[in-house]
Amino acid sequence: MKRLWLAFGTVIVVSFSILGWIGTRIYQEMPPIPDRVVTREGRVVIGSGEIGQGQNIWQTMGGMEVGSVWGHGSYVAPDWTADSLR
């Protein structure tokens, strides 16, 4: 019985170690979020903070729930960009 608990504990420790390592790598390699987007002429297209606001709106509308493992989420998701341009 003691061997089973030792094996169980080892599996748990190794699993959480791998999980922590993967989480650290994801955090370190996350894509940068620009402060603003400008054209070649220097005209501001998206100002400071607008990207974060857009992310918040996307998350509150359930954008995280639309998508798939296969990557065809853009085909099944509503086009919120077109809705906001009306």
PDB file of N, CA and C in Angstrom:
ATOM      1  N   MET A   1       0.827  -1.196   0.000  1.00  0.00           N
ATOM      2  CA  MET A   1       0.000   0.000   0.000  1.00  0.00           C
ATOM      3  C   MET A   1       0.868   1.255   0.000  1.00  0.00           C
ATOM      4  N   LYS A   2       1.983   1.182   0.727  1.00  0.00           N
ATOM      5  CA  LYS A   2       2.870   2.336   0.786  1.00  0.00           C
ATOM      6  C   LYS A   2       3.470   2.630  -0.589  1.00  0.00           C
ATOM      7  N   ARG A   3       3.743   1.581  -1.364  1.00  0.00           N
ATOM      8  CA  ARG A   3       4.290   1.768  -2.709  1.00  0.00           C
ATOM      9  C   ARG A   3       3.311   2.515  -3.611  1.00  0.00           C
ATOM     10  N   LEU A   4       2.036   2.204  -3.470  1.00  0.00           N
ATOM     11  CA  LEU A   4       1.031   2.881  -4.283  1.00  0.00           C
ATOM     12  C   LEU A   4       0.972   4.373  -3.965  1.00  0.00           C
ATOM     13  N   TRP A   5       1.030   4.717  -2.686  1.00  0.00           N
ATOM     14  CA  TRP A   5       1.011   6.122  -2.300  1.00  0.00           C
ATOM     15  C   TRP A   5       2.271   6.840  -2.780  1.00  0.00           C
ATOM     16  N   LEU A   6       3.385   6.164  -2.728  1.00  0.00           N
ATOM     17  CA  LEU A   6       4.638   6.746  -3.209  1.00  0.00           C
ATOM     18  C   LEU A   6       4.567   6.974  -4.725  1.00  0.00           C
ATOM     19  N   ALA A   7       4.039   6.011  -5.449  1.00  0.00           N
ATOM     20  CA  ALA A   7       3.881   6.164  -6.896  1.00  0.00           C
ATOM     21  C   ALA A   7       2.896   7.289  -7.218  1.00  0.00           C
ATOM     22  N   PHE A   8       1.808   7.340  -6.479  1.00  0.00           N
ATOM     23  CA  PHE A   8       0.813   8.395  -6.673  1.00  0.00           C
ATOM     24  C   PHE A   8       1.423   9.768  -6.419  1.00  0.00           C
ATOM     25  N   GLY A   9       2.145   9.901  -5.327  1.00  0.00           N
ATOM     26  CA  GLY A   9       2.796  11.172  -5.007  1.00  0.00           C
ATOM     27  C   GLY A   9       3.808  11.580  -6.067  1.00  0.00           C
ATOM     28  N   THR A  10       4.550  10.612  -6.567  1.00  0.00           N
ATOM     29  CA  THR A  10       5.531  10.902  -7.610  1.00  0.00           C
ATOM     30  C   THR A  10       4.851  11.392  -8.883  1.00  0.00           C
ATOM     31  N   VAL A  11       3.769  10.733  -9.254  1.00  0.00           N
ATOM     32  CA  VAL A  11       3.027  11.150 -10.448  1.00  0.00           C
ATOM     33  C   VAL A  11       2.484  12.565 -10.277  1.00  0.00           C
ATOM     34  N   ILE A  12       1.954  12.871  -9.106  1.00  0.00           N
ATOM     35  CA  ILE A  12       1.404  14.205  -8.847  1.00  0.00           C
ATOM     36  C   ILE A  12       2.502  15.262  -8.924  1.00  0.00           C
ATOM     37  N   VAL A  13       3.629  15.021  -8.277  1.00  0.00           N
ATOM     38  CA  VAL A  13       4.728  15.993  -8.275  1.00  0.00           C
ATOM     39  C   VAL A  13       5.259  16.210  -9.689  1.00  0.00           C
ATOM     40  N   VAL A  14       5.474  15.138 -10.422  1.00  0.00           N
ATOM     41  CA  VAL A  14       5.981  15.260 -11.797  1.00  0.00           C
ATOM     42  C   VAL A  14       4.962  15.983 -12.679  1.00  0.00           C
ATOM     43  N   SER A  15       3.695  15.657 -12.530  1.00  0.00           N
ATOM     44  CA  SER A  15       2.653  16.288 -13.347  1.00  0.00           C
ATOM     45  C   SER A  15       2.583  17.793 -13.100  1.00  0.00           C
ATOM     46  N   PHE A  16       2.584  18.196 -11.843  1.00  0.00           N
ATOM     47  CA  PHE A  16       2.519  19.622 -11.543  1.00  0.00           C
ATOM     48  C   PHE A  16       3.805  20.345 -11.915  1.00  0.00           C
ATOM     49  N   SER A  17       4.926  19.661 -11.862  1.00  0.00           N
ATOM     50  CA  SER A  17       6.180  20.264 -12.315  1.00  0.00           C
ATOM     51  C   SER A  17       6.123  20.555 -13.812  1.00  0.00           C
ATOM     52  N   ILE A  18       5.632  19.608 -14.578  1.00  0.00           N
ATOM     53  CA  ILE A  18       5.494  19.810 -16.024  1.00  0.00           C
ATOM     54  C   ILE A  18       4.490  20.919 -16.307  1.00  0.00           C
ATOM     55  N   LEU A  19       3.384  20.925 -15.590  1.00  0.00           N
ATOM     56  CA  LEU A  19       2.375  21.960 -15.759  1.00  0.00           C
ATOM     57  C   LEU A  19       2.950  23.344 -15.458  1.00  0.00           C
ATOM     58  N   GLY A  20       3.711  23.467 -14.391  1.00  0.00           N
ATOM     59  CA  GLY A  20       4.344  24.736 -14.052  1.00  0.00           C
ATOM     60  C   GLY A  20       5.353  25.176 -15.093  1.00  0.00           C
ATOM     61  N   TRP A  21       6.132  24.226 -15.611  1.00  0.00           N
ATOM     62  CA  TRP A  21       7.128  24.554 -16.634  1.00  0.00           C
ATOM     63  C   TRP A  21       6.445  25.041 -17.911  1.00  0.00           C
ATOM     64  N   ILE A  22       5.381  24.355 -18.323  1.00  0.00           N
ATOM     65  CA  ILE A  22       4.665  24.759 -19.532  1.00  0.00           C
ATOM     66  C   ILE A  22       4.019  26.129 -19.337  1.00  0.00           C
ATOM     67  N   GLY A  23       3.430  26.374 -18.187  1.00  0.00           N
ATOM     68  CA  GLY A  23       2.831  27.674 -17.909  1.00  0.00           C
ATOM     69  C   GLY A  23       3.847  28.797 -17.944  1.00  0.00           C
ATOM     70  N   THR A  24       5.033  28.543 -17.420  1.00  0.00           N
ATOM     71  CA  THR A  24       6.102  29.541 -17.450  1.00  0.00           C
ATOM     72  C   THR A  24       6.527  29.826 -18.882  1.00  0.00           C
ATOM     73  N   ARG A  25       6.668  28.785 -19.687  1.00  0.00           N
ATOM     74  CA  ARG A  25       7.070  28.966 -21.094  1.00  0.00           C
ATOM     75  C   ARG A  25       6.008  29.748 -21.869  1.00  0.00           C
ATOM     76  N   ILE A  26       4.745  29.460 -21.623  1.00  0.00           N
ATOM     77  CA  ILE A  26       3.671  30.187 -22.306  1.00  0.00           C
ATOM     78  C   ILE A  26       3.721  31.661 -21.918  1.00  0.00           C
ATOM     79  N   TYR A  27       3.922  31.948 -20.643  1.00  0.00           N
ATOM     80  CA  TYR A  27       3.991  33.334 -20.182  1.00  0.00           C
ATOM     81  C   TYR A  27       5.181  34.052 -20.806  1.00  0.00           C
ATOM     82  N   GLN A  28       6.316  33.386 -20.903  1.00  0.00           N
ATOM     83  CA  GLN A  28       7.521  34.005 -21.452  1.00  0.00           C
ATOM     84  C   GLN A  28       7.418  34.245 -22.955  1.00  0.00           C
ATOM     85  N   GLU A  29       6.688  33.408 -23.651  1.00  0.00           N
ATOM     86  CA  GLU A  29       6.624  33.496 -25.102  1.00  0.00           C
ATOM     87  C   GLU A  29       5.332  34.109 -25.623  1.00  0.00           C
ATOM     88  N   MET A  30       4.550  34.747 -24.757  1.00  0.00           N
ATOM     89  CA  MET A  30       3.297  35.331 -25.221  1.00  0.00           C
ATOM     90  C   MET A  30       3.591  36.472 -26.196  1.00  0.00           C
ATOM     91  N   PRO A  31       2.724  36.672 -27.165  1.00  0.00           N
ATOM     92  CA  PRO A  31       2.979  37.715 -28.157  1.00  0.00           C
ATOM     93  C   PRO A  31       2.850  39.097 -27.530  1.00  0.00           C
ATOM     94  N   PRO A  32       3.635  40.041 -28.010  1.00  0.00           N
ATOM     95  CA  PRO A  32       3.538  41.401 -27.469  1.00  0.00           C
ATOM     96  C   PRO A  32       2.245  42.073 -27.926  1.00  0.00           C
ATOM     97  N   ILE A  33       1.695  42.899 -27.071  1.00  0.00           N
ATOM     98  CA  ILE A  33       0.505  43.669 -27.415  1.00  0.00           C
ATOM     99  C   ILE A  33       0.964  45.106 -27.638  1.00  0.00           C
ATOM    100  N   PRO A  34       0.789  45.631 -28.852  1.00  0.00           N
ATOM    101  CA  PRO A  34       1.287  46.983 -29.132  1.00  0.00           C
ATOM    102  C   PRO A  34       0.509  48.036 -28.357  1.00  0.00           C
ATOM    103  N   ASP A  35       1.179  49.132 -28.067  1.00  0.00           N
ATOM    104  CA  ASP A  35       0.539  50.244 -27.374  1.00  0.00           C
ATOM    105  C   ASP A  35      -0.383  50.998 -28.326  1.00  0.00           C
ATOM    106  N   ARG A  36       0.047  51.128 -29.577  1.00  0.00           N
ATOM    107  CA  ARG A  36      -0.768  51.792 -30.594  1.00  0.00           C
ATOM    108  C   ARG A  36      -0.351  51.278 -31.963  1.00  0.00           C
ATOM    109  N   VAL A  37      -1.223  51.496 -32.942  1.00  0.00           N
ATOM    110  CA  VAL A  37      -0.946  51.091 -34.320  1.00  0.00           C
ATOM    111  C   VAL A  37      -0.951  52.349 -35.168  1.00  0.00           C
ATOM    112  N   VAL A  38       0.120  52.547 -35.931  1.00  0.00           N
ATOM    113  CA  VAL A  38       0.240  53.739 -36.775  1.00  0.00           C
ATOM    114  C   VAL A  38       0.510  53.328 -38.221  1.00  0.00           C
ATOM    115  N   THR A  39       0.146  54.218 -39.151  1.00  0.00           N
ATOM    116  CA  THR A  39       0.444  53.990 -40.561  1.00  0.00           C
ATOM    117  C   THR A  39       1.879  54.398 -40.843  1.00  0.00           C
ATOM    118  N   ARG A  40       2.317  54.170 -42.063  1.00  0.00           N
ATOM    119  CA  ARG A  40       3.687  54.567 -42.427  1.00  0.00           C
ATOM    120  C   ARG A  40       3.869  56.074 -42.367  1.00  0.00           C
ATOM    121  N   GLU A  41       2.789  56.796 -42.577  1.00  0.00           N
ATOM    122  CA  GLU A  41       2.861  58.260 -42.513  1.00  0.00           C
ATOM    123  C   GLU A  41       2.832  58.776 -41.082  1.00  0.00           C
ATOM    124  N   GLY A  42       2.572  57.917 -40.129  1.00  0.00           N
ATOM    125  CA  GLY A  42       2.556  58.315 -38.726  1.00  0.00           C
ATOM    126  C   GLY A  42       1.172  58.581 -38.169  1.00  0.00           C
ATOM    127  N   ARG A  43       0.128  58.374 -38.974  1.00  0.00           N
ATOM    128  CA  ARG A  43      -1.244  58.588 -38.498  1.00  0.00           C
ATOM    129  C   ARG A  43      -1.642  57.433 -37.585  1.00  0.00           C
ATOM    130  N   VAL A  44      -2.214  57.771 -36.440  1.00  0.00           N
ATOM    131  CA  VAL A  44      -2.608  56.753 -35.467  1.00  0.00           C
ATOM    132  C   VAL A  44      -3.902  56.085 -35.925  1.00  0.00           C
ATOM    133  N   VAL A  45      -3.857  54.763 -36.082  1.00  0.00           N
ATOM    134  CA  VAL A  45      -5.030  53.992 -36.483  1.00  0.00           C
ATOM    135  C   VAL A  45      -5.779  53.521 -35.242  1.00  0.00           C
ATOM    136  N   ILE A  46      -5.054  52.946 -34.314  1.00  0.00           N
ATOM    137  CA  ILE A  46      -5.621  52.490 -33.046  1.00  0.00           C
ATOM    138  C   ILE A  46      -4.792  53.125 -31.942  1.00  0.00           C
ATOM    139  N   GLY A  47      -5.455  53.882 -31.083  1.00  0.00           N
ATOM    140  CA  GLY A  47      -4.753  54.616 -30.049  1.00  0.00           C
ATOM    141  C   GLY A  47      -4.402  53.776 -28.837  1.00  0.00           C
ATOM    142  N   SER A  48      -3.752  54.437 -27.906  1.00  0.00           N
ATOM    143  CA  SER A  48      -3.319  53.786 -26.679  1.00  0.00           C
ATOM    144  C   SER A  48      -4.521  53.310 -25.869  1.00  0.00           C
ATOM    145  N   GLY A  49      -4.509  52.059 -25.490  1.00  0.00           N
ATOM    146  CA  GLY A  49      -5.567  51.503 -24.656  1.00  0.00           C
ATOM    147  C   GLY A  49      -6.744  50.912 -25.417  1.00  0.00           C
ATOM    148  N   GLU A  50      -6.880  51.223 -26.705  1.00  0.00           N
ATOM    149  CA  GLU A  50      -8.018  50.707 -27.465  1.00  0.00           C
ATOM    150  C   GLU A  50      -7.923  49.201 -27.691  1.00  0.00           C
ATOM    151  N   ILE A  51      -6.724  48.693 -27.803  1.00  0.00           N
ATOM    152  CA  ILE A  51      -6.561  47.248 -28.000  1.00  0.00           C
ATOM    153  C   ILE A  51      -7.039  46.499 -26.760  1.00  0.00           C
ATOM    154  N   GLY A  52      -6.669  46.977 -25.589  1.00  0.00           N
ATOM    155  CA  GLY A  52      -7.123  46.361 -24.344  1.00  0.00           C
ATOM    156  C   GLY A  52      -8.630  46.439 -24.182  1.00  0.00           C
ATOM    157  N   GLN A  53      -9.215  47.577 -24.574  1.00  0.00           N
ATOM    158  CA  GLN A  53     -10.671  47.718 -24.503  1.00  0.00           C
ATOM    159  C   GLN A  53     -11.353  46.737 -25.450  1.00  0.00           C
ATOM    160  N   GLY A  54     -10.780  46.567 -26.640  1.00  0.00           N
ATOM    161  CA  GLY A  54     -11.335  45.607 -27.593  1.00  0.00           C
ATOM    162  C   GLY A  54     -11.258  44.186 -27.071  1.00  0.00           C
ATOM    163  N   GLN A  55     -10.160  43.862 -26.408  1.00  0.00           N
ATOM    164  CA  GLN A  55     -10.032  42.529 -25.819  1.00  0.00           C
ATOM    165  C   GLN A  55     -11.084  42.312 -24.737  1.00  0.00           C
ATOM    166  N   ASN A  56     -11.306  43.328 -23.917  1.00  0.00           N
ATOM    167  CA  ASN A  56     -12.313  43.205 -22.858  1.00  0.00           C
ATOM    168  C   ASN A  56     -13.708  43.006 -23.441  1.00  0.00           C
ATOM    169  N   ILE A  57     -14.034  43.747 -24.494  1.00  0.00           N
ATOM    170  CA  ILE A  57     -15.346  43.586 -25.131  1.00  0.00           C
ATOM    171  C   ILE A  57     -15.485  42.190 -25.711  1.00  0.00           C
ATOM    172  N   TRP A  58     -14.432  41.732 -26.389  1.00  0.00           N
ATOM    173  CA  TRP A  58     -14.445  40.398 -27.001  1.00  0.00           C
ATOM    174  C   TRP A  58     -14.652  39.325 -25.938  1.00  0.00           C
ATOM    175  N   GLN A  59     -14.011  39.487 -24.791  1.00  0.00           N
ATOM    176  CA  GLN A  59     -14.149  38.499 -23.720  1.00  0.00           C
ATOM    177  C   GLN A  59     -15.537  38.545 -23.093  1.00  0.00           C
ATOM    178  N   THR A  60     -16.109  39.743 -22.909  1.00  0.00           N
ATOM    179  CA  THR A  60     -17.434  39.831 -22.297  1.00  0.00           C
ATOM    180  C   THR A  60     -18.527  39.317 -23.226  1.00  0.00           C
ATOM    181  N   MET A  61     -18.296  39.372 -24.539  1.00  0.00           N
ATOM    182  CA  MET A  61     -19.291  38.874 -25.493  1.00  0.00           C
ATOM    183  C   MET A  61     -19.174  37.371 -25.706  1.00  0.00           C
ATOM    184  N   GLY A  62     -18.262  36.727 -25.029  1.00  0.00           N
ATOM    185  CA  GLY A  62     -18.121  35.285 -25.145  1.00  0.00           C
ATOM    186  C   GLY A  62     -17.176  34.850 -26.241  1.00  0.00           C
ATOM    187  N   GLY A  63     -16.268  35.708 -26.636  1.00  0.00           N
ATOM    188  CA  GLY A  63     -15.340  35.370 -27.708  1.00  0.00           C
ATOM    189  C   GLY A  63     -14.439  34.197 -27.390  1.00  0.00           C
ATOM    190  N   MET A  64     -14.163  33.986 -26.122  1.00  0.00           N
ATOM    191  CA  MET A  64     -13.303  32.870 -25.740  1.00  0.00           C
ATOM    192  C   MET A  64     -14.009  31.530 -25.939  1.00  0.00           C
ATOM    193  N   GLU A  65     -15.328  31.550 -26.001  1.00  0.00           N
ATOM    194  CA  GLU A  65     -16.080  30.309 -26.148  1.00  0.00           C
ATOM    195  C   GLU A  65     -16.255  29.911 -27.608  1.00  0.00           C
ATOM    196  N   VAL A  66     -15.957  30.835 -28.520  1.00  0.00           N
ATOM    197  CA  VAL A  66     -16.112  30.560 -29.943  1.00  0.00           C
ATOM    198  C   VAL A  66     -14.738  30.214 -30.507  1.00  0.00           C
ATOM    199  N   GLY A  67     -14.633  29.100 -31.118  1.00  0.00           N
ATOM    200  CA  GLY A  67     -13.357  28.670 -31.657  1.00  0.00           C
ATOM    201  C   GLY A  67     -13.314  27.168 -31.611  1.00  0.00           C
ATOM    202  N   SER A  68     -12.198  26.640 -31.977  1.00  0.00           N
ATOM    203  CA  SER A  68     -12.115  25.197 -31.993  1.00  0.00           C
ATOM    204  C   SER A  68     -10.673  24.751 -31.945  1.00  0.00           C
ATOM    205  N   VAL A  69     -10.509  23.490 -31.707  1.00  0.00           N
ATOM    206  CA  VAL A  69      -9.189  22.886 -31.741  1.00  0.00           C
ATOM    207  C   VAL A  69      -8.667  22.901 -33.171  1.00  0.00           C
ATOM    208  N   TRP A  70      -9.550  22.788 -34.138  1.00  0.00           N
ATOM    209  CA  TRP A  70      -9.146  22.672 -35.542  1.00  0.00           C
ATOM    210  C   TRP A  70      -8.902  24.020 -36.196  1.00  0.00           C
ATOM    211  N   GLY A  71      -9.184  25.121 -35.518  1.00  0.00           N
ATOM    212  CA  GLY A  71      -8.862  26.433 -36.060  1.00  0.00           C
ATOM    213  C   GLY A  71      -9.894  27.035 -36.991  1.00  0.00           C
ATOM    214  N   HIS A  72     -11.108  26.525 -37.002  1.00  0.00           N
ATOM    215  CA  HIS A  72     -12.127  27.099 -37.878  1.00  0.00           C
ATOM    216  C   HIS A  72     -13.113  27.977 -37.110  1.00  0.00           C
ATOM    217  N   GLY A  73     -12.684  28.519 -35.993  1.00  0.00           N
ATOM    218  CA  GLY A  73     -13.560  29.365 -35.192  1.00  0.00           C
ATOM    219  C   GLY A  73     -14.013  30.611 -35.926  1.00  0.00           C
ATOM    220  N   SER A  74     -13.173  31.144 -36.815  1.00  0.00           N
ATOM    221  CA  SER A  74     -13.563  32.344 -37.552  1.00  0.00           C
ATOM    222  C   SER A  74     -14.703  32.062 -38.523  1.00  0.00           C
ATOM    223  N   TYR A  75     -14.892  30.813 -38.898  1.00  0.00           N
ATOM    224  CA  TYR A  75     -15.984  30.468 -39.807  1.00  0.00           C
ATOM    225  C   TYR A  75     -17.311  30.352 -39.073  1.00  0.00           C
ATOM    226  N   VAL A  76     -17.285  30.024 -37.805  1.00  0.00           N
ATOM    227  CA  VAL A  76     -18.524  29.819 -37.066  1.00  0.00           C
ATOM    228  C   VAL A  76     -18.844  30.964 -36.114  1.00  0.00           C
ATOM    229  N   ALA A  77     -17.918  31.873 -35.924  1.00  0.00           N
ATOM    230  CA  ALA A  77     -18.127  32.976 -34.983  1.00  0.00           C
ATOM    231  C   ALA A  77     -18.899  34.110 -35.646  1.00  0.00           C
ATOM    232  N   PRO A  78     -19.661  34.856 -34.860  1.00  0.00           N
ATOM    233  CA  PRO A  78     -20.319  36.038 -35.415  1.00  0.00           C
ATOM    234  C   PRO A  78     -19.277  37.101 -35.758  1.00  0.00           C
ATOM    235  N   ASP A  79     -19.561  37.910 -36.762  1.00  0.00           N
ATOM    236  CA  ASP A  79     -18.627  38.948 -37.188  1.00  0.00           C
ATOM    237  C   ASP A  79     -18.906  40.228 -36.405  1.00  0.00           C
ATOM    238  N   TRP A  80     -18.313  40.342 -35.229  1.00  0.00           N
ATOM    239  CA  TRP A  80     -18.554  41.499 -34.372  1.00  0.00           C
ATOM    240  C   TRP A  80     -17.931  42.759 -34.946  1.00  0.00           C
ATOM    241  N   THR A  81     -16.905  42.626 -35.767  1.00  0.00           N
ATOM    242  CA  THR A  81     -16.294  43.797 -36.385  1.00  0.00           C
ATOM    243  C   THR A  81     -17.295  44.472 -37.302  1.00  0.00           C
ATOM    244  N   ALA A  82     -17.979  43.692 -38.124  1.00  0.00           N
ATOM    245  CA  ALA A  82     -18.978  44.257 -39.031  1.00  0.00           C
ATOM    246  C   ALA A  82     -20.129  44.877 -38.247  1.00  0.00           C
ATOM    247  N   ASP A  83     -20.513  44.263 -37.146  1.00  0.00           N
ATOM    248  CA  ASP A  83     -21.594  44.819 -36.326  1.00  0.00           C
ATOM    249  C   ASP A  83     -21.210  46.172 -35.747  1.00  0.00           C
ATOM    250  N   SER A  84     -19.961  46.316 -35.341  1.00  0.00           N
ATOM    251  CA  SER A  84     -19.543  47.573 -34.720  1.00  0.00           C
ATOM    252  C   SER A  84     -19.352  48.680 -35.747  1.00  0.00           C
ATOM    253  N   LEU A  85     -19.173  48.340 -37.023  1.00  0.00           N
ATOM    254  CA  LEU A  85     -18.990  49.350 -38.062  1.00  0.00           C
ATOM    255  C   LEU A  85     -20.308  49.887 -38.600  1.00  0.00           C
ATOM    256  N   ARG A  86     -21.420  49.282 -38.239  1.00  0.00           N
ATOM    257  CA  ARG A  86     -22.729  49.750 -38.720  1.00  0.00           C
ATOM    258  C   ARG A  86     -23.111  51.038 -38.070  1.00  0.00           C
TER     259      ARG A  86
END
